[in-house]
Amino acid sequence: MTHLPDSKREAPRRTERTGGAFRSYSEAERARMRGILQDMGTRTSSAGAAPGGPSPDGPARPRRGLRRIGWAALAGAAVAGVWAFAPSPDRIVATAETRLAALTGPAEPPADPAHAQLADPGATSRDAAAPPPPAATPTPTLEASGKVVARREATLSSDLTGRLAELLVSEGDRIEAGDPVARLDAEAAEAQLAIASANVAAAEQERAVVAAELAAMEDDLARTRTLTERGVSSKQALSELQGQHAVLEARAASNDSQIDVQRRQLEAMRQDLDNTLIRAPFDGVITEITANVGEIVSPVSSGGYTQSGIATVVDPGSIVGEVDVNEQFLSKVRPGQPVEMTVPAWPDRTFSGSVDLITPVVDDSTAAVEVTVVFDDVPASVYPGMRLDVAFLSGPEES
């Protein structure tokens, strides 16, 4: 095909289909197309003529030129048809931009969530399924060492001085509050109880005698008063009877007081007899037995002949940690602060807890403050007396 000059390379406008019909080209476009076809025919005719003069065929040359012009016209019509149905340059550019945007994606995410969901239907579900960012891990701000102690620990002893007759528990036994632990020889307490009971009975009998005498005296006093009013008996006899009646009343009151005292003594003897059985004050574990059967035990040790303690009971659920923190680091510790604890017996285990108490006293010799930490879940494998390493963690406001 013959190349067009630069001035005539303007892309032709094609007709657009609207409602099944084609839009007509303007008169200027038709004129330009006719000019192009005419120019193409002229160029084809001149190209078909042999250079250097007329053809030896003579009369046949014009017909050959006409045929060539016809073929050129048909070729021009075909080109015009192709231009008529070819897409416009604007449509080609728009199509290229659309395909480029589909391959590379939008430069910025759409502001409207509905448009974003239409562009990527799986974006919402992926965002919902995305895990939340991990929380900041608390970091240790201070470390200290101490020991494990039990808040509820007691050494059991007797309220009486007596011989230990029986041990009812062994070390390691779990007991509940009120369970018997040991028993003292109760013969002396039983004898004292019997004596107190007898004293109460004697006092009550004495009170009965006085009551009978007082009743008889009241009868004599009433009769003498009547005779004195009639003049048969003297006033002196009446006065003597009234004095004897007052004495009997005083004896009756004294007997009542004596009976009350004897009854209190009887109750004390019963309590002493009950105290010969040593009981657990709370739930716990027997950790140590310090007395043997046959030894004399008493509330307070008086030397080598008596023993004050019988057994030690500890409540495992009351264990806490006590550590010393130097006063210059006290600003890094606060009540409720989370901590992590380890013990040498279980170096691969970490126990979580928190600060429970900061004792408001500084030790003069160590310049330290005692800090009590508690376990979130009291471990069964940590015992009182173990060494404890505590790491004080930074809280959310400190991290």
Protein backbone atom coordinates (compact mmCIF):
# COMPACT_ATOMS: atom_id res chain seq x y z
CA MET A 1 0.00 0.00 0.00
CA THR A 2 1.24 3.46 -0.85
CA HIS A 3 2.30 5.46 2.23
CA LEU A 4 0.36 8.63 2.91
CA PRO A 5 2.08 11.90 3.53
CA ASP A 6 2.50 13.13 7.12
CA SER A 7 -0.21 15.73 6.68
CA LYS A 8 -2.73 13.02 5.84
CA ARG A 9 -1.98 10.46 8.60
CA GLU A 10 -4.83 11.60 10.78
CA ALA A 11 -6.75 8.54 11.99
CA PRO A 12 -10.23 8.37 10.42
CA ARG A 13 -13.28 8.34 12.70
CA ARG A 14 -15.32 5.19 12.54
CA THR A 15 -19.04 5.04 12.74
CA GLU A 16 -20.48 3.89 16.10
CA ARG A 17 -23.35 1.48 16.38
CA THR A 18 -26.37 3.04 18.03
CA GLY A 19 -29.53 1.00 18.26
CA GLY A 20 -28.37 -1.40 15.51
CA ALA A 21 -27.45 1.38 12.93
CA PHE A 22 -24.19 3.06 12.01
CA ARG A 23 -23.68 6.78 12.39
CA SER A 24 -22.80 8.63 9.10
CA TYR A 25 -19.48 10.38 8.61
CA SER A 26 -19.48 14.12 8.19
CA GLU A 27 -19.07 15.80 4.81
CA ALA A 28 -15.52 16.84 5.64
CA GLU A 29 -14.58 13.24 6.43
CA ARG A 30 -16.18 11.98 3.22
CA ALA A 31 -14.32 14.58 1.20
CA ARG A 32 -11.07 13.56 2.80
CA MET A 33 -11.74 9.89 2.03
CA ARG A 34 -12.56 10.69 -1.62
CA GLY A 35 -9.34 12.61 -1.86
CA ILE A 36 -7.41 9.68 -0.43
CA LEU A 37 -9.03 7.25 -2.89
CA GLN A 38 -8.36 9.57 -5.82
CA ASP A 39 -4.76 10.03 -4.76
CA MET A 40 -4.34 6.28 -4.41
CA GLY A 41 -5.74 5.71 -7.91
CA THR A 42 -3.50 8.35 -9.42
CA ARG A 43 -0.42 6.91 -7.78
CA THR A 44 -1.35 3.42 -8.92
CA SER A 45 -1.81 4.58 -12.55
CA SER A 46 1.50 6.40 -12.63
CA ALA A 47 3.24 3.44 -11.05
CA GLY A 48 1.84 1.09 -13.75
CA ALA A 49 3.17 3.17 -16.70
CA ALA A 50 6.57 2.08 -18.04
CA PRO A 51 9.22 4.78 -17.82
CA GLY A 52 10.88 5.97 -21.00
CA GLY A 53 7.89 6.51 -23.38
CA PRO A 54 4.82 4.84 -24.74
CA SER A 55 4.32 1.10 -24.62
CA PRO A 56 4.74 -0.90 -27.80
CA ASP A 57 1.31 -2.38 -27.22
CA GLY A 58 -0.31 0.92 -28.17
CA PRO A 59 -4.13 0.92 -27.82
CA ALA A 60 -4.21 -1.71 -25.09
CA ARG A 61 -2.37 0.45 -22.53
CA PRO A 62 -5.32 2.71 -21.63
CA ARG A 63 -7.52 -0.35 -20.82
CA ARG A 64 -4.80 -1.76 -18.65
CA GLY A 65 -4.66 1.58 -16.82
CA LEU A 66 -8.42 1.59 -16.33
CA ARG A 67 -8.32 -1.88 -14.85
CA ARG A 68 -5.63 -0.79 -12.49
CA ILE A 69 -7.68 2.22 -11.49
CA GLY A 70 -10.62 -0.09 -10.79
CA TRP A 71 -8.56 -2.38 -8.67
CA ALA A 72 -7.19 0.64 -6.81
CA ALA A 73 -10.72 1.88 -6.23
CA LEU A 74 -11.73 -1.49 -4.82
CA ALA A 75 -8.67 -1.52 -2.60
CA GLY A 76 -9.51 1.98 -1.36
CA ALA A 77 -13.09 0.93 -0.66
CA ALA A 78 -11.77 -2.03 1.35
CA VAL A 79 -9.49 0.23 3.35
CA ALA A 80 -12.38 2.62 3.96
CA GLY A 81 -14.49 -0.34 5.17
CA VAL A 82 -11.77 -1.43 7.52
CA TRP A 83 -11.49 2.12 8.85
CA ALA A 84 -15.25 2.28 9.26
CA PHE A 85 -15.37 -0.79 11.52
CA ALA A 86 -11.97 -0.38 13.22
CA PRO A 87 -12.00 0.96 16.79
CA SER A 88 -11.25 4.61 17.27
CA PRO A 89 -7.88 5.71 18.75
CA ASP A 90 -9.69 6.94 21.87
CA ARG A 91 -11.24 3.51 22.33
CA ILE A 92 -7.87 1.79 21.81
CA VAL A 93 -6.19 4.04 24.41
CA ALA A 94 -9.06 3.50 26.86
CA THR A 95 -8.88 -0.27 26.35
CA ALA A 96 -5.10 -0.29 26.90
CA GLU A 97 -5.41 1.75 30.08
CA THR A 98 -8.13 -0.57 31.38
CA ARG A 99 -6.01 -3.69 30.78
CA LEU A 100 -2.94 -2.03 32.37
CA ALA A 101 -4.95 -1.10 35.49
CA ALA A 102 -6.26 -4.68 35.73
CA LEU A 103 -2.70 -6.04 35.64
CA THR A 104 -1.05 -3.58 38.02
CA GLY A 105 -3.98 -2.81 40.32
CA PRO A 106 -5.11 0.63 41.52
CA ALA A 107 -2.43 3.00 42.75
CA GLU A 108 -4.40 3.75 45.94
CA PRO A 109 -7.04 1.69 47.76
CA PRO A 110 -10.55 3.02 47.28
CA ALA A 111 -11.85 5.13 50.12
CA ASP A 112 -15.30 3.56 50.01
CA PRO A 113 -15.40 0.09 51.71
CA ALA A 114 -18.12 -1.00 49.29
CA HIS A 115 -15.86 -0.22 46.32
CA ALA A 116 -12.99 -2.03 48.04
CA GLN A 117 -15.13 -5.12 48.51
CA LEU A 118 -16.21 -5.03 44.87
CA ALA A 119 -12.58 -4.71 43.76
CA ASP A 120 -11.48 -7.59 45.99
CA PRO A 121 -14.38 -9.74 47.35
CA GLY A 122 -12.02 -11.70 49.64
CA ALA A 123 -10.48 -8.62 51.26
CA THR A 124 -13.11 -8.35 54.03
CA SER A 125 -12.89 -12.00 54.99
CA ARG A 126 -9.08 -11.89 54.97
CA ASP A 127 -9.08 -8.80 57.19
CA ALA A 128 -11.54 -10.45 59.61
CA ALA A 129 -9.47 -13.64 59.76
CA ALA A 130 -6.19 -11.79 60.30
CA PRO A 131 -4.88 -12.39 63.86
CA PRO A 132 -4.57 -9.37 66.20
CA PRO A 133 -1.10 -7.98 66.76
CA PRO A 134 0.71 -9.67 69.68
CA ALA A 135 0.54 -7.91 73.04
CA ALA A 136 3.67 -6.43 74.51
CA THR A 137 5.49 -8.93 76.73
CA PRO A 138 6.26 -7.62 80.23
CA THR A 139 9.96 -7.31 80.90
CA PRO A 140 11.76 -7.73 84.23
CA THR A 141 12.64 -4.42 85.87
CA LEU A 142 14.13 -5.81 89.09
CA GLU A 143 15.26 -9.16 90.46
CA ALA A 144 15.58 -10.22 94.09
CA SER A 145 16.07 -13.40 96.12
CA GLY A 146 14.35 -14.59 99.27
CA LYS A 147 12.61 -17.63 100.64
CA VAL A 148 9.27 -19.39 100.72
CA VAL A 149 7.35 -19.12 104.00
CA ALA A 150 3.94 -20.25 105.23
CA ARG A 151 1.61 -17.69 106.71
CA ARG A 152 -0.21 -20.37 108.71
CA GLU A 153 2.26 -22.45 110.68
CA ALA A 154 1.91 -23.57 114.30
CA THR A 155 3.80 -25.65 116.83
CA LEU A 156 1.30 -27.72 118.79
CA SER A 157 1.80 -28.04 122.52
CA SER A 158 -0.24 -28.90 125.58
CA ASP A 159 -1.99 -26.42 127.86
CA LEU A 160 -1.16 -28.77 130.74
CA THR A 161 1.96 -30.31 132.13
CA GLY A 162 1.78 -34.03 131.70
CA ARG A 163 3.27 -37.14 130.21
CA LEU A 164 2.79 -37.76 126.51
CA ALA A 165 0.80 -40.97 126.35
CA GLU A 166 0.13 -41.35 122.59
CA LEU A 167 0.98 -39.81 119.23
CA LEU A 168 -1.95 -40.06 116.81
CA VAL A 169 -0.22 -38.71 113.66
CA SER A 170 3.02 -39.09 111.75
CA GLU A 171 5.11 -36.64 109.75
CA GLY A 172 3.57 -35.93 106.36
CA ASP A 173 0.00 -36.71 107.45
CA ARG A 174 -2.71 -34.36 106.26
CA ILE A 175 -5.10 -33.28 109.01
CA GLU A 176 -8.18 -31.15 109.31
CA ALA A 177 -9.09 -28.60 111.95
CA GLY A 178 -10.13 -30.36 115.18
CA ASP A 179 -8.47 -33.70 114.41
CA PRO A 180 -6.61 -35.22 117.43
CA VAL A 181 -2.82 -35.13 117.14
CA ALA A 182 -1.59 -36.45 120.52
CA ARG A 183 -2.93 -37.46 123.93
CA LEU A 184 -1.49 -36.89 127.38
CA ASP A 185 -1.84 -39.16 130.37
CA ALA A 186 -5.30 -38.27 131.68
CA GLU A 187 -5.26 -40.04 135.08
CA ALA A 188 -4.39 -36.88 137.03
CA ALA A 189 -6.97 -34.82 135.17
CA GLU A 190 -9.62 -37.45 135.69
CA ALA A 191 -8.83 -37.54 139.45
CA GLN A 192 -9.07 -33.77 139.70
CA LEU A 193 -12.35 -33.89 137.86
CA ALA A 194 -13.69 -36.43 140.30
CA ILE A 195 -12.65 -34.30 143.27
CA ALA A 196 -14.28 -31.21 141.81
CA SER A 197 -17.46 -33.15 141.18
CA ALA A 198 -17.49 -34.39 144.76
CA ASN A 199 -16.97 -30.87 146.10
CA VAL A 200 -19.93 -29.67 144.11
CA ALA A 201 -22.07 -32.47 145.53
CA ALA A 202 -20.97 -31.70 149.13
CA ALA A 203 -21.71 -28.02 148.71
CA GLU A 204 -25.15 -28.78 147.37
CA GLN A 205 -25.87 -31.08 150.33
CA GLU A 206 -24.72 -28.41 152.82
CA ARG A 207 -27.00 -25.96 151.09
CA ALA A 208 -29.90 -28.38 151.50
CA VAL A 209 -29.26 -28.69 155.26
CA VAL A 210 -29.13 -24.93 155.70
CA ALA A 211 -32.29 -24.59 153.69
CA ALA A 212 -34.08 -27.06 156.02
CA GLU A 213 -32.87 -25.28 159.17
CA LEU A 214 -33.88 -21.96 157.68
CA ALA A 215 -37.38 -23.29 156.99
CA ALA A 216 -37.74 -24.57 160.59
CA MET A 217 -36.44 -21.31 161.98
CA GLU A 218 -38.99 -19.36 159.96
CA ASP A 219 -41.79 -21.45 161.51
CA ASP A 220 -40.48 -20.82 165.07
CA LEU A 221 -40.11 -17.16 164.34
CA ALA A 222 -43.68 -16.84 163.11
CA ARG A 223 -45.10 -18.65 166.17
CA THR A 224 -43.00 -16.65 168.62
CA ARG A 225 -44.10 -13.41 166.99
CA THR A 226 -47.73 -14.41 167.48
CA LEU A 227 -47.21 -15.32 171.16
CA THR A 228 -45.38 -12.10 171.79
CA GLU A 229 -48.27 -10.10 170.38
CA ARG A 230 -50.64 -11.92 172.80
CA GLY A 231 -48.27 -11.29 175.71
CA VAL A 232 -47.53 -14.93 176.32
CA SER A 233 -43.89 -14.81 175.09
CA SER A 234 -41.31 -12.19 175.83
CA LYS A 235 -39.83 -9.86 173.29
CA GLN A 236 -36.35 -11.18 174.17
CA ALA A 237 -37.20 -14.65 172.91
CA LEU A 238 -38.50 -13.16 169.67
CA SER A 239 -35.29 -11.18 169.23
CA GLU A 240 -33.13 -14.26 169.71
CA LEU A 241 -35.09 -16.20 167.09
CA GLN A 242 -34.77 -13.35 164.62
CA GLY A 243 -30.97 -13.37 165.11
CA GLN A 244 -30.77 -17.13 164.50
CA HIS A 245 -32.86 -16.74 161.37
CA ALA A 246 -30.47 -14.11 159.99
CA VAL A 247 -27.52 -16.41 160.60
CA LEU A 248 -29.22 -19.24 158.71
CA GLU A 249 -29.93 -16.92 155.78
CA ALA A 250 -26.25 -15.91 155.67
CA ARG A 251 -25.20 -19.55 155.71
CA ALA A 252 -27.59 -20.28 152.83
CA ALA A 253 -26.10 -17.42 150.77
CA SER A 254 -22.59 -18.66 151.53
CA ASN A 255 -23.57 -22.16 150.47
CA ASP A 256 -24.94 -20.82 147.21
CA SER A 257 -21.64 -19.06 146.51
CA GLN A 258 -19.71 -22.16 147.45
CA ILE A 259 -21.79 -24.28 145.13
CA ASP A 260 -21.09 -21.81 142.29
CA VAL A 261 -17.34 -21.98 142.95
CA GLN A 262 -17.34 -25.77 143.07
CA ARG A 263 -19.24 -25.94 139.82
CA ARG A 264 -16.71 -23.63 138.13
CA GLN A 265 -13.89 -25.78 139.40
CA LEU A 266 -15.66 -28.82 138.05
CA GLU A 267 -15.89 -27.12 134.62
CA ALA A 268 -12.17 -26.31 134.79
CA MET A 269 -11.35 -29.93 135.55
CA ARG A 270 -13.41 -31.03 132.61
CA GLN A 271 -11.54 -28.56 130.40
CA ASP A 272 -8.22 -29.90 131.68
CA LEU A 273 -9.32 -33.40 130.87
CA ASP A 274 -10.28 -32.27 127.38
CA ASN A 275 -6.90 -30.53 127.01
CA THR A 276 -5.12 -33.82 127.43
CA LEU A 277 -6.16 -34.44 123.83
CA ILE A 278 -4.16 -32.08 121.54
CA ARG A 279 -6.09 -31.13 118.38
CA ALA A 280 -5.15 -29.45 115.08
CA PRO A 281 -6.03 -25.74 114.96
CA PHE A 282 -6.47 -25.65 111.14
CA ASP A 283 -6.18 -27.79 108.03
CA GLY A 284 -2.61 -28.63 107.11
CA VAL A 285 0.23 -31.12 107.01
CA ILE A 286 2.29 -32.42 109.91
CA THR A 287 5.83 -31.35 109.03
CA GLU A 288 7.67 -32.22 112.24
CA ILE A 289 7.16 -34.17 115.46
CA THR A 290 9.35 -32.90 118.30
CA ALA A 291 8.22 -35.03 121.26
CA ASN A 292 8.23 -38.74 121.97
CA VAL A 293 5.80 -40.89 123.86
CA GLY A 294 6.68 -40.88 127.57
CA GLU A 295 8.18 -37.41 127.68
CA ILE A 296 6.83 -34.74 129.99
CA VAL A 297 5.37 -31.89 128.00
CA SER A 298 4.25 -28.49 129.21
CA PRO A 299 3.13 -25.14 127.78
CA VAL A 300 6.60 -23.63 128.40
CA SER A 301 9.87 -25.50 128.38
CA SER A 302 11.54 -25.48 131.78
CA GLY A 303 14.82 -27.14 130.85
CA GLY A 304 15.96 -30.61 129.98
CA TYR A 305 13.10 -32.43 131.68
CA THR A 306 10.13 -30.98 129.79
CA GLN A 307 9.30 -30.42 126.12
CA SER A 308 7.13 -27.46 125.06
CA GLY A 309 6.30 -28.55 121.51
CA ILE A 310 4.77 -31.78 120.29
CA ALA A 311 4.34 -31.33 116.52
CA THR A 312 4.41 -28.66 113.82
CA VAL A 313 1.55 -28.21 111.36
CA VAL A 314 1.74 -26.10 108.18
CA ASP A 315 -1.01 -25.00 105.81
CA PRO A 316 0.42 -25.57 102.27
CA GLY A 317 -2.16 -23.28 100.75
CA SER A 318 -0.83 -20.29 102.67
CA ILE A 319 2.73 -20.25 101.29
CA VAL A 320 4.09 -16.91 100.08
CA GLY A 321 7.47 -15.52 99.14
CA GLU A 322 9.46 -13.00 101.16
CA VAL A 323 12.32 -11.11 99.50
CA ASP A 324 14.44 -8.13 100.55
CA VAL A 325 14.57 -5.15 98.18
CA ASN A 326 17.16 -2.45 98.70
CA GLU A 327 15.59 0.90 99.43
CA GLN A 328 17.19 2.53 96.35
CA PHE A 329 15.19 0.16 94.09
CA LEU A 330 11.93 0.50 96.00
CA SER A 331 10.50 2.82 93.32
CA LYS A 332 10.41 -0.16 90.94
CA VAL A 333 8.08 -2.14 93.21
CA ARG A 334 4.40 -1.47 93.81
CA PRO A 335 1.47 -3.45 95.31
CA GLY A 336 -0.23 -5.67 92.73
CA GLN A 337 2.76 -5.66 90.40
CA PRO A 338 3.10 -8.92 88.41
CA VAL A 339 6.10 -11.11 89.20
CA GLU A 340 7.63 -14.35 88.02
CA MET A 341 9.13 -16.75 90.56
CA THR A 342 11.52 -19.68 90.29
CA VAL A 343 12.96 -22.10 92.83
CA PRO A 344 16.23 -24.03 92.50
CA ALA A 345 14.36 -27.32 92.88
CA TRP A 346 12.46 -26.69 89.61
CA PRO A 347 14.70 -24.46 87.45
CA ASP A 348 12.67 -25.17 84.29
CA ARG A 349 9.39 -23.99 85.82
CA THR A 350 8.17 -20.43 86.30
CA PHE A 351 5.41 -19.47 88.74
CA SER A 352 3.40 -16.31 88.21
CA GLY A 353 2.24 -14.10 91.03
CA SER A 354 2.00 -10.52 92.27
CA VAL A 355 3.23 -8.21 95.01
CA ASP A 356 0.99 -8.49 98.07
CA LEU A 357 2.69 -6.36 100.72
CA ILE A 358 5.54 -3.89 101.00
CA THR A 359 6.51 -3.74 104.67
CA PRO A 360 6.83 -0.03 105.60
CA VAL A 361 10.01 -0.57 107.61
CA VAL A 362 13.63 -0.37 106.42
CA ASP A 363 16.13 -2.68 108.07
CA ASP A 364 18.97 -0.59 109.51
CA SER A 365 21.59 -3.28 108.97
CA THR A 366 20.75 -4.09 105.34
CA ALA A 367 18.93 -0.93 104.16
CA ALA A 368 16.33 -3.25 102.65
CA VAL A 369 12.55 -3.52 102.77
CA GLU A 370 10.78 -6.86 103.05
CA VAL A 371 8.38 -7.48 100.13
CA THR A 372 5.79 -10.27 100.24
CA VAL A 373 4.72 -11.87 96.96
CA VAL A 374 1.88 -14.34 96.49
CA PHE A 375 1.34 -17.11 93.94
CA ASP A 376 -1.54 -16.92 91.44
CA ASP A 377 -1.92 -20.70 91.79
CA VAL A 378 -0.21 -22.16 94.84
CA PRO A 379 2.04 -24.99 93.55
CA ALA A 380 2.05 -28.30 95.38
CA SER A 381 5.76 -28.83 94.74
CA VAL A 382 7.01 -25.70 96.50
CA TYR A 383 7.60 -25.98 100.25
CA PRO A 384 8.32 -23.50 103.03
CA GLY A 385 12.01 -22.83 103.47
CA MET A 386 12.92 -23.07 99.78
CA ARG A 387 15.01 -20.31 98.25
CA LEU A 388 12.99 -18.11 95.90
CA ASP A 389 14.13 -15.92 92.98
CA VAL A 390 11.66 -13.18 92.05
CA ALA A 391 11.62 -11.08 88.86
CA PHE A 392 9.44 -7.97 89.12
CA LEU A 393 7.81 -7.29 85.74
CA SER A 394 6.90 -3.99 84.16
CA GLY A 395 3.19 -3.26 83.99
CA PRO A 396 1.24 -1.99 80.96
CA GLU A 397 1.86 1.63 81.89
CA GLU A 398 5.59 1.02 82.26
CA SER A 399 6.22 -1.04 79.12
